[in-house]
N, C-alpha and C. Protein backbone atom coordinates (compact mmCIF):
# COMPACT_ATOMS: atom_id res chain seq x y z
N MET A 1 22.73 4.59 25.07
CA MET A 1 22.60 3.73 23.51
C MET A 1 21.37 4.31 23.35
N THR A 2 21.24 4.78 21.39
CA THR A 2 20.34 5.27 21.36
C THR A 2 19.14 4.59 21.53
N THR A 3 17.66 4.45 21.18
CA THR A 3 16.32 4.35 21.10
C THR A 3 16.07 3.11 19.91
N ALA A 4 16.82 3.52 19.18
CA ALA A 4 16.61 2.32 17.84
C ALA A 4 17.78 1.44 17.96
N ARG A 5 18.63 1.31 18.94
CA ARG A 5 19.55 0.39 18.67
C ARG A 5 19.33 -0.71 20.07
N LYS A 6 18.31 0.30 20.65
CA LYS A 6 17.91 -1.05 22.18
C LYS A 6 17.23 -1.91 21.36
N ILE A 7 16.41 -0.87 20.59
CA ILE A 7 14.99 -1.95 19.39
C ILE A 7 15.49 -2.94 19.22
N GLU A 8 16.62 -2.89 18.12
CA GLU A 8 17.48 -3.23 17.51
C GLU A 8 18.24 -4.84 18.39
N LEU A 9 18.58 -4.48 19.64
CA LEU A 9 18.97 -5.82 20.33
C LEU A 9 17.95 -6.13 20.95
N ASP A 10 16.87 -5.64 21.32
CA ASP A 10 16.10 -6.50 21.92
C ASP A 10 15.43 -6.88 21.11
N TYR A 11 15.02 -6.89 19.89
CA TYR A 11 14.32 -7.72 18.49
C TYR A 11 14.94 -8.28 18.17
N THR A 12 16.36 -8.20 18.45
CA THR A 12 17.48 -9.98 17.35
C THR A 12 17.63 -10.84 18.38
N GLU A 13 17.39 -10.47 20.37
CA GLU A 13 17.51 -11.42 21.18
C GLU A 13 16.14 -12.62 21.42
N ASP A 14 15.09 -11.55 20.72
CA ASP A 14 13.35 -12.28 20.92
C ASP A 14 13.46 -13.02 19.98
N PHE A 15 13.63 -12.77 18.26
CA PHE A 15 13.63 -13.78 17.61
C PHE A 15 14.11 -15.22 17.51
N ALA A 16 13.17 -16.05 17.27
CA ALA A 16 13.79 -17.59 17.49
C ALA A 16 14.03 -17.31 15.69
N GLU A 17 12.60 -17.56 15.16
CA GLU A 17 13.44 -17.74 12.98
C GLU A 17 13.54 -16.34 12.96
N HIS A 18 14.76 -16.06 11.68
CA HIS A 18 15.38 -15.61 11.04
C HIS A 18 14.37 -15.83 9.70
N LEU A 19 14.44 -14.11 9.14
CA LEU A 19 14.67 -14.21 7.78
C LEU A 19 15.77 -14.32 6.76
N GLN A 20 15.44 -15.13 5.76
CA GLN A 20 16.36 -15.60 5.18
C GLN A 20 16.11 -15.74 3.47
N GLY A 21 16.97 -15.12 2.61
CA GLY A 21 16.67 -14.70 1.34
C GLY A 21 16.22 -13.15 0.83
N ASP A 22 15.35 -13.60 0.01
CA ASP A 22 14.85 -12.04 -0.84
C ASP A 22 13.78 -11.19 0.20
N LEU A 23 14.71 -10.22 1.07
CA LEU A 23 14.27 -9.57 1.80
C LEU A 23 12.83 -8.43 1.10
N GLN A 24 13.64 -8.09 -0.30
CA GLN A 24 12.70 -7.52 -0.98
C GLN A 24 11.12 -7.85 -1.39
N ASN A 25 11.61 -9.05 -1.77
CA ASN A 25 9.41 -9.31 -1.77
C ASN A 25 9.22 -9.74 -0.90
N VAL A 26 9.82 -9.74 0.71
CA VAL A 26 8.80 -10.13 1.78
C VAL A 26 8.23 -8.37 1.72
N PHE A 27 9.23 -7.50 1.83
CA PHE A 27 8.46 -5.82 2.07
C PHE A 27 7.42 -5.98 1.21
N ASP A 28 7.84 -6.08 -0.66
CA ASP A 28 6.63 -5.51 -1.39
C ASP A 28 5.50 -6.39 -0.50
N ALA A 29 5.69 -7.50 -0.58
CA ALA A 29 4.11 -8.04 -0.27
C ALA A 29 3.50 -7.26 0.72
N LEU A 30 4.82 -6.87 1.97
CA LEU A 30 3.87 -6.33 3.05
C LEU A 30 3.73 -4.93 2.77
N TYR A 31 4.17 -4.09 1.53
CA TYR A 31 3.00 -3.36 1.37
C TYR A 31 2.46 -3.06 0.03
N GLN A 32 1.86 -4.05 -0.73
CA GLN A 32 0.67 -4.16 -1.35
C GLN A 32 -0.28 -4.62 -0.10
N LEU A 33 0.16 -5.05 0.78
CA LEU A 33 -1.03 -5.88 1.92
C LEU A 33 -1.36 -3.87 2.93
N GLY A 34 0.09 -3.39 2.66
CA GLY A 34 -0.91 -2.50 3.27
C GLY A 34 -0.19 -2.14 5.05
N VAL A 35 0.94 -2.74 5.23
CA VAL A 35 1.06 -3.18 6.44
C VAL A 35 2.11 -2.06 6.73
N ILE A 36 3.38 -1.60 5.53
CA ILE A 36 4.10 -1.01 5.99
C ILE A 36 3.47 0.54 6.61
N ASP A 37 3.08 1.39 6.27
CA ASP A 37 3.20 2.54 6.59
C ASP A 37 2.50 2.49 7.29
N PRO A 38 1.56 1.74 8.33
CA PRO A 38 1.29 2.02 9.39
C PRO A 38 2.50 1.83 10.77
N VAL A 39 3.01 0.71 10.63
CA VAL A 39 4.46 0.76 10.84
C VAL A 39 5.21 1.04 11.24
N LEU A 40 5.62 1.89 10.43
CA LEU A 40 6.16 3.42 10.01
C LEU A 40 5.88 4.34 11.73
N GLU A 41 4.87 4.60 11.03
CA GLU A 41 4.03 5.73 12.08
C GLU A 41 3.66 4.96 13.55
N MET A 42 3.97 3.30 14.26
CA MET A 42 3.90 3.25 15.68
C MET A 42 5.29 3.55 16.04
N ASP A 43 4.84 3.11 17.98
CA ASP A 43 5.63 3.15 18.49
C ASP A 43 6.46 1.89 18.59
N TRP A 44 7.44 2.07 18.36
CA TRP A 44 8.38 0.70 18.13
C TRP A 44 8.87 -0.33 19.45
N VAL A 45 8.99 1.35 20.38
CA VAL A 45 9.21 0.56 21.44
C VAL A 45 7.94 0.28 22.17
N LYS A 46 6.43 0.46 21.92
CA LYS A 46 5.59 0.16 23.11
C LYS A 46 5.47 -1.46 22.50
N ALA A 47 5.92 -0.98 21.08
CA ALA A 47 5.32 -3.15 20.41
C ALA A 47 6.56 -3.72 20.91
N MET A 48 7.46 -3.42 20.71
CA MET A 48 8.42 -4.32 22.10
C MET A 48 8.10 -4.71 23.00
N GLU A 49 7.37 -3.98 23.94
CA GLU A 49 6.39 -4.39 24.93
C GLU A 49 5.90 -5.85 25.10
N THR A 50 5.16 -6.14 24.12
CA THR A 50 4.40 -7.55 24.06
C THR A 50 4.58 -8.02 22.93
N VAL A 51 6.27 -8.29 22.64
CA VAL A 51 6.93 -9.41 21.52
C VAL A 51 6.26 -10.65 22.14
N GLU A 52 7.00 -10.72 23.03
CA GLU A 52 6.76 -12.38 23.87
C GLU A 52 5.16 -13.09 23.63
N ALA A 53 4.59 -12.07 23.87
CA ALA A 53 3.06 -12.31 23.93
C ALA A 53 2.66 -13.09 22.32
N HIS A 54 3.16 -12.80 21.49
CA HIS A 54 2.89 -12.62 19.92
C HIS A 54 4.09 -14.10 19.72
N ARG A 55 4.85 -14.53 20.45
CA ARG A 55 6.06 -15.31 19.54
C ARG A 55 5.75 -16.30 18.80
N HIS A 56 4.87 -17.15 19.75
CA HIS A 56 4.14 -18.20 17.90
C HIS A 56 3.72 -17.48 16.30
N LYS A 57 2.88 -16.54 17.06
CA LYS A 57 2.46 -16.66 15.47
C LYS A 57 3.69 -15.37 15.14
N ILE A 58 4.49 -14.79 15.00
CA ILE A 58 5.63 -13.69 14.93
C ILE A 58 6.24 -15.43 13.75
N ASP A 59 6.73 -16.10 14.95
CA ASP A 59 8.27 -17.12 14.03
C ASP A 59 7.12 -17.64 12.98
N SER A 60 5.63 -18.09 13.07
CA SER A 60 5.48 -18.67 12.49
C SER A 60 4.89 -17.68 10.67
N ALA A 61 4.97 -16.62 11.11
CA ALA A 61 4.78 -15.22 9.54
C ALA A 61 6.22 -15.63 9.33
N ILE A 62 7.24 -15.35 9.97
CA ILE A 62 8.62 -15.21 9.49
C ILE A 62 9.03 -16.12 9.39
N SER A 63 8.98 -17.97 8.97
CA SER A 63 8.96 -18.91 8.67
C SER A 63 7.88 -18.86 7.14
N THR A 64 7.16 -18.57 7.32
CA THR A 64 5.59 -17.85 5.61
C THR A 64 6.84 -17.72 4.79
N ALA A 65 7.29 -16.52 5.27
CA ALA A 65 8.42 -15.80 4.51
C ALA A 65 8.73 -15.97 4.09
N ASN A 66 10.10 -16.85 5.12
CA ASN A 66 11.02 -17.21 4.55
C ASN A 66 10.33 -18.96 2.86
N ILE A 67 9.39 -19.10 3.77
CA ILE A 67 8.67 -20.21 2.39
C ILE A 67 8.72 -19.42 1.03
N PHE A 68 7.64 -18.82 1.54
CA PHE A 68 6.95 -18.32 0.23
C PHE A 68 7.37 -16.80 -0.39
N GLN A 69 9.44 -16.31 -0.14
CA GLN A 69 9.49 -15.68 -0.58
C GLN A 69 9.57 -14.88 -2.08
N ASP A 70 9.71 -16.96 -2.35
CA ASP A 70 10.46 -16.29 -4.51
C ASP A 70 8.84 -15.38 -5.28
N SER A 71 7.81 -15.95 -4.66
CA SER A 71 6.12 -15.71 -5.52
C SER A 71 5.83 -14.31 -4.73
N VAL A 72 5.70 -13.28 -4.75
CA VAL A 72 5.53 -12.26 -4.01
C VAL A 72 3.59 -12.54 -4.09
N ASP A 73 3.49 -12.84 -5.33
CA ASP A 73 1.52 -13.11 -5.29
C ASP A 73 1.16 -14.21 -4.13
N ALA A 74 2.56 -15.20 -4.05
CA ALA A 74 2.07 -16.33 -3.32
C ALA A 74 2.24 -15.87 -1.70
N LEU A 75 3.11 -15.20 -1.89
CA LEU A 75 3.20 -14.78 -0.34
C LEU A 75 2.76 -13.52 0.32
N ILE A 76 1.59 -12.78 -0.64
CA ILE A 76 0.80 -12.25 -0.18
C ILE A 76 -0.67 -12.88 0.04
N LYS A 77 -0.61 -14.05 -0.29
CA LYS A 77 -2.21 -14.96 -0.57
C LYS A 77 -1.56 -15.94 1.27
N GLU A 78 -0.60 -16.76 1.41
CA GLU A 78 -0.38 -17.00 2.48
C GLU A 78 -0.53 -15.71 3.64
N LEU A 79 0.30 -14.33 3.77
CA LEU A 79 0.22 -13.40 4.26
C LEU A 79 -1.20 -13.21 5.00
N LYS A 80 -2.02 -13.55 4.24
CA LYS A 80 -3.12 -12.69 4.30
C LYS A 80 -3.78 -13.66 5.59
N LYS A 81 -3.37 -15.14 6.27
CA LYS A 81 -3.75 -15.59 6.74
C LYS A 81 -3.51 -14.98 8.71
N TYR A 82 -3.17 -14.09 8.12
CA TYR A 82 -2.25 -13.59 9.70
C TYR A 82 -3.07 -12.30 10.51
N ASP A 83 -2.96 -12.27 11.50
CA ASP A 83 -3.60 -11.13 11.59
C ASP A 83 -3.08 -9.84 11.52
N GLU A 84 -3.12 -8.36 11.46
CA GLU A 84 -2.49 -6.66 11.65
C GLU A 84 -1.74 -6.48 12.62
N GLN A 85 -1.63 -7.39 13.46
CA GLN A 85 -0.38 -6.84 14.12
C GLN A 85 0.82 -8.26 13.96
N THR A 86 0.35 -9.73 13.89
CA THR A 86 1.56 -9.96 13.37
C THR A 86 2.60 -9.39 12.38
N LEU A 87 1.61 -9.09 11.24
CA LEU A 87 1.95 -8.44 9.93
C LEU A 87 3.61 -7.32 10.34
N GLY A 88 2.39 -6.56 11.42
CA GLY A 88 3.47 -5.22 12.11
C GLY A 88 4.95 -6.02 12.16
N TYR A 89 4.36 -7.18 13.40
CA TYR A 89 5.79 -7.41 13.77
C TYR A 89 7.18 -8.05 12.77
N LEU A 90 6.26 -8.76 11.80
CA LEU A 90 6.93 -9.62 10.15
C LEU A 90 7.51 -7.95 9.91
N ALA A 91 6.52 -6.45 10.04
CA ALA A 91 7.43 -5.63 9.16
C ALA A 91 8.79 -5.17 9.42
N MET A 92 8.69 -4.83 10.76
CA MET A 92 9.82 -4.69 12.14
C MET A 92 10.78 -5.05 11.50
N GLU A 93 10.45 -6.94 11.65
CA GLU A 93 11.88 -7.68 10.89
C GLU A 93 12.74 -7.18 9.88
N VAL A 94 11.86 -6.67 8.65
CA VAL A 94 12.07 -6.70 7.86
C VAL A 94 13.45 -5.66 7.36
N ALA A 95 12.61 -4.61 8.05
CA ALA A 95 13.05 -3.37 8.56
C ALA A 95 14.71 -3.86 9.17
N ARG A 96 14.62 -4.30 10.27
CA ARG A 96 16.11 -4.78 10.78
C ARG A 96 17.24 -5.80 10.32
N GLU A 97 16.72 -6.29 9.52
CA GLU A 97 17.04 -6.72 8.45
C GLU A 97 17.53 -6.30 7.15
N PHE A 98 17.04 -4.77 6.89
CA PHE A 98 17.72 -4.39 5.98
C PHE A 98 18.07 -3.68 6.73
N ALA A 99 18.24 -2.98 7.45
CA ALA A 99 19.16 -2.07 8.17
C ALA A 99 20.58 -2.94 8.37
N ASP A 100 20.35 -4.21 8.98
CA ASP A 100 21.76 -4.96 9.45
C ASP A 100 22.61 -5.24 8.09
N PHE A 101 22.03 -5.50 6.67
CA PHE A 101 22.43 -5.60 6.13
C PHE A 101 23.42 -4.61 5.41
N HIS A 102 22.94 -3.86 5.50
CA HIS A 102 23.18 -1.79 4.90
C HIS A 102 24.16 -1.86 6.26
N SER A 103 24.18 -2.01 7.35
CA SER A 103 25.49 -1.57 7.76
C SER A 103 26.78 -2.59 8.18
N ARG A 104 26.44 -4.09 7.45
CA ARG A 104 27.38 -4.57 7.09
C ARG A 104 28.05 -4.37 5.86
N GLU A 105 27.39 -3.42 5.08
CA GLU A 105 27.72 -3.32 3.85
C GLU A 105 28.51 -1.93 3.54
N GLU A 106 28.27 -0.76 4.62
CA GLU A 106 29.09 -0.10 5.24
C GLU A 106 30.56 -0.15 5.44
N LEU A 107 30.27 -1.56 6.42
CA LEU A 107 32.06 -1.58 7.27
C LEU A 107 32.68 -2.28 6.18
N HIS A 108 32.06 -2.57 4.67
CA HIS A 108 33.06 -3.65 4.47
C HIS A 108 33.55 -2.86 3.45
């Protein structure tokens, strides 16, 4: 099993909340907040080792993203309330959801 697939499986099992709706707006908000580039450079395997310690904040950020996703500006305002690490986990969830969406598209 590839490392990427293991991360995807571990990550999927870990999250109680799931992103719904317009992922592009969530991505755009995170990008404008400067979260995306650092997440792309980080060690995701190592980050997943500490995910449970941050579960409540991560689920809260996912819930916030679901609620405010229709307005990038409102979403940015709300996401600014979270710490950098929580936003990083949210960005990883967005990436995972995008990958899952595109893999389903390729199957059909």
